[in-house]
Structure formats: C-alpha cells, structure tokens
Amino acid sequence: MNAMFADTAGWLCLADAKEPHHTAACSARDGWLRQGGIFVSTDYVIDETLTLIRLRLGLTAAFKWWEQVERSSRVRWEWMSPMRLDKAQRWFFQWKDKQFSFTDCTSFVVMRELRLGVALTTDRHFQMAGFEIVP
C-alpha cells in the first residue's frame, strides 16, 4: 500500500491558509497524490480535526473539510477497535518521559500495524516515536 498517515496537525495545515506550514503541506500532499499515494487517518484524528477547524475557522469550514475528505477515494479511514485502544493505552502509559497525547498513541498503533513510516504532520511527537514527518 502506497500510503502516508495524515495527522490532525497535517490536516490543519492543509485547511488553514494562515498556518505557517500551509504551503509546504499543500505541496507535500499534491506531490504524494501525483505519485498515486493515499492518506490514512483515524476516527480519533477526525474528532480532533473537526473540532479544531470549527474552533479556528468556523463550522462552515469544518463542514467543507469533512465533505471533501469523507468522499475522497484517496483517504482511507481506520477505526479504533478495542484491541487497538488497548495497545494505545499501553503506549500512552509506557513512555513516561514523553508527552504523547492519547490520540497520538492511537495513531502510532495504526501506523505500526499498517507499516506506515511517514506522517503528514508538524507534530514532533511522531519523530520521537520513530516516524518520519512531512512537510
């Protein structure tokens, strides 16, 4: 599978032209799609992204984002099962020296499970967990 994980920070960079990494994120997305890649994201990331877009840009912007990604054949949604949540919980409590959010940990579990090494994000926690980030 030619897939890259899309994190909340990555989605926000794409949605908000005022984000410092907006242009770089759009360029990374467009290049990835030209190569035939798809994006993988999770229900936890949907939750965070919709909420943050609504708070920063308004409900209409959140609705437009959702309409665009929900129907896209280039976005694959992964859902958190009880088994995945158990793994995320272990990751969350194991790394006492890191301040990973629980959503980060759910993303790490999915990325490991699907063997994804790269995330569209500006969140450095992904690097700390051993993944490459773009932009």
Protein backbone atom coordinates (compact mmCIF):
# COMPACT_ATOMS: atom_id res chain seq x y z
CA MET A 1 0.00 0.00 0.00
CA ASN A 2 1.39 3.38 -1.03
CA ALA A 3 0.06 5.27 1.99
CA MET A 4 1.02 8.13 4.28
CA PHE A 5 -0.63 8.79 7.62
CA ALA A 6 -2.45 12.13 7.96
CA ASP A 7 -2.42 13.55 11.47
CA THR A 8 -4.53 16.37 12.90
CA ALA A 9 -1.67 18.87 12.55
CA GLY A 10 -1.28 17.91 8.90
CA TRP A 11 -4.99 18.28 8.17
CA LEU A 12 -4.96 21.68 9.91
CA CYS A 13 -2.00 22.86 7.83
CA LEU A 14 -3.94 21.94 4.70
CA ALA A 15 -7.22 23.53 5.85
CA ASP A 16 -5.91 26.81 7.25
CA ALA A 17 -4.02 29.13 4.89
CA LYS A 18 -2.78 31.05 7.95
CA GLU A 19 -0.87 28.03 9.27
CA PRO A 20 2.91 28.60 8.92
CA HIS A 21 3.38 25.29 7.07
CA HIS A 22 0.28 25.58 4.85
CA THR A 23 2.14 25.95 1.54
CA ALA A 24 4.63 23.19 2.33
CA ALA A 25 1.84 20.85 3.46
CA CYS A 26 -0.16 21.51 0.28
CA SER A 27 2.93 20.85 -1.81
CA ALA A 28 3.63 17.60 0.07
CA ARG A 29 0.00 16.49 -0.34
CA ASP A 30 -0.08 17.29 -4.04
CA GLY A 31 3.21 15.54 -4.70
CA TRP A 32 2.07 12.47 -2.79
CA LEU A 33 -1.20 12.31 -4.70
CA ARG A 34 0.62 12.72 -8.05
CA GLN A 35 2.68 9.64 -7.10
CA GLY A 36 -0.55 7.68 -6.66
CA GLY A 37 -0.41 7.73 -2.87
CA ILE A 38 -3.31 7.72 -0.48
CA PHE A 39 -3.72 9.09 3.03
CA VAL A 40 -4.67 7.02 6.05
CA SER A 41 -6.24 8.61 9.10
CA THR A 42 -8.33 7.54 12.09
CA ASP A 43 -11.63 8.28 13.75
CA TYR A 44 -9.71 9.89 16.64
CA VAL A 45 -7.94 12.20 14.20
CA ILE A 46 -11.32 13.04 12.58
CA ASP A 47 -12.60 14.06 16.00
CA GLU A 48 -9.64 16.32 16.75
CA THR A 49 -9.54 17.82 13.27
CA LEU A 50 -13.23 18.66 13.02
CA THR A 51 -13.17 20.22 16.47
CA LEU A 52 -10.06 22.33 15.84
CA ILE A 53 -11.21 23.51 12.40
CA ARG A 54 -14.55 24.52 13.90
CA LEU A 55 -12.85 26.43 16.72
CA ARG A 56 -10.31 28.15 14.45
CA LEU A 57 -12.17 28.61 11.18
CA GLY A 58 -15.85 28.07 11.95
CA LEU A 59 -18.49 25.43 11.44
CA THR A 60 -18.79 26.04 7.69
CA ALA A 61 -15.07 25.37 7.20
CA ALA A 62 -15.32 22.18 9.28
CA PHE A 63 -18.27 21.04 7.16
CA LYS A 64 -16.42 21.75 3.90
CA TRP A 65 -13.34 19.87 5.15
CA TRP A 66 -15.45 16.90 6.16
CA GLU A 67 -17.32 16.79 2.84
CA GLN A 68 -14.04 16.86 0.93
CA VAL A 69 -12.20 14.13 2.83
CA GLU A 70 -15.17 11.90 3.61
CA ARG A 71 -15.96 11.23 -0.04
CA SER A 72 -12.37 11.11 -1.24
CA SER A 73 -11.17 7.83 -2.69
CA ARG A 74 -7.65 8.95 -1.70
CA VAL A 75 -8.37 8.87 2.06
CA ARG A 76 -8.71 5.61 3.95
CA TRP A 77 -10.27 5.81 7.40
CA GLU A 78 -9.18 3.41 10.12
CA TRP A 79 -11.35 2.91 13.18
CA MET A 80 -10.12 2.24 16.69
CA SER A 81 -11.08 -1.23 17.85
CA PRO A 82 -10.87 -2.38 21.48
CA MET A 83 -7.61 -4.17 20.65
CA ARG A 84 -6.09 -1.03 19.11
CA LEU A 85 -7.22 1.04 22.08
CA ASP A 86 -5.58 -1.42 24.45
CA LYS A 87 -2.29 -1.11 22.54
CA ALA A 88 -2.58 2.70 22.54
CA GLN A 89 -3.21 2.73 26.28
CA ARG A 90 -0.07 0.67 26.88
CA TRP A 91 1.95 3.03 24.66
CA PHE A 92 0.49 6.08 26.43
CA PHE A 93 1.49 4.88 29.90
CA GLN A 94 4.79 3.26 28.88
CA TRP A 95 6.52 6.45 27.72
CA LYS A 96 6.75 8.42 30.96
CA ASP A 97 9.38 10.78 29.53
CA LYS A 98 7.20 11.79 26.52
CA GLN A 99 4.07 13.90 26.46
CA PHE A 100 2.26 11.98 23.74
CA SER A 101 -1.47 12.64 23.57
CA PHE A 102 -3.70 9.59 23.65
CA THR A 103 -4.72 10.38 20.07
CA ASP A 104 -1.03 10.37 19.10
CA CYS A 105 -0.73 6.91 20.60
CA THR A 106 -3.75 5.63 18.66
CA SER A 107 -2.12 6.98 15.50
CA PHE A 108 1.18 5.26 16.32
CA VAL A 109 -0.63 1.95 16.79
CA VAL A 110 -2.33 2.21 13.39
CA MET A 111 0.89 3.32 11.70
CA ARG A 112 2.80 0.36 13.12
CA GLU A 113 0.02 -2.08 12.30
CA LEU A 114 -0.16 -0.88 8.68
CA ARG A 115 3.63 -0.44 8.41
CA LEU A 116 3.41 3.26 7.61
CA GLY A 117 6.65 5.13 8.20
CA VAL A 118 5.66 8.68 7.22
CA ALA A 119 3.07 11.10 8.58
CA LEU A 120 1.77 14.37 7.18
CA THR A 121 2.12 16.43 10.34
CA THR A 122 4.09 19.12 12.10
CA ASP A 123 3.76 17.26 15.40
CA ARG A 124 7.29 16.32 16.50
CA HIS A 125 5.89 13.55 18.71
CA PHE A 126 5.73 11.41 15.58
CA GLN A 127 9.50 11.79 15.16
CA MET A 128 10.01 10.93 18.84
CA ALA A 129 8.03 7.74 18.22
CA GLY A 130 10.29 6.79 15.30
CA PHE A 131 8.32 8.03 12.30
CA GLU A 132 9.30 10.43 9.54
CA ILE A 133 7.23 13.59 9.21
CA VAL A 134 6.45 15.86 6.27
CA PRO A 135 6.40 18.68 5.35
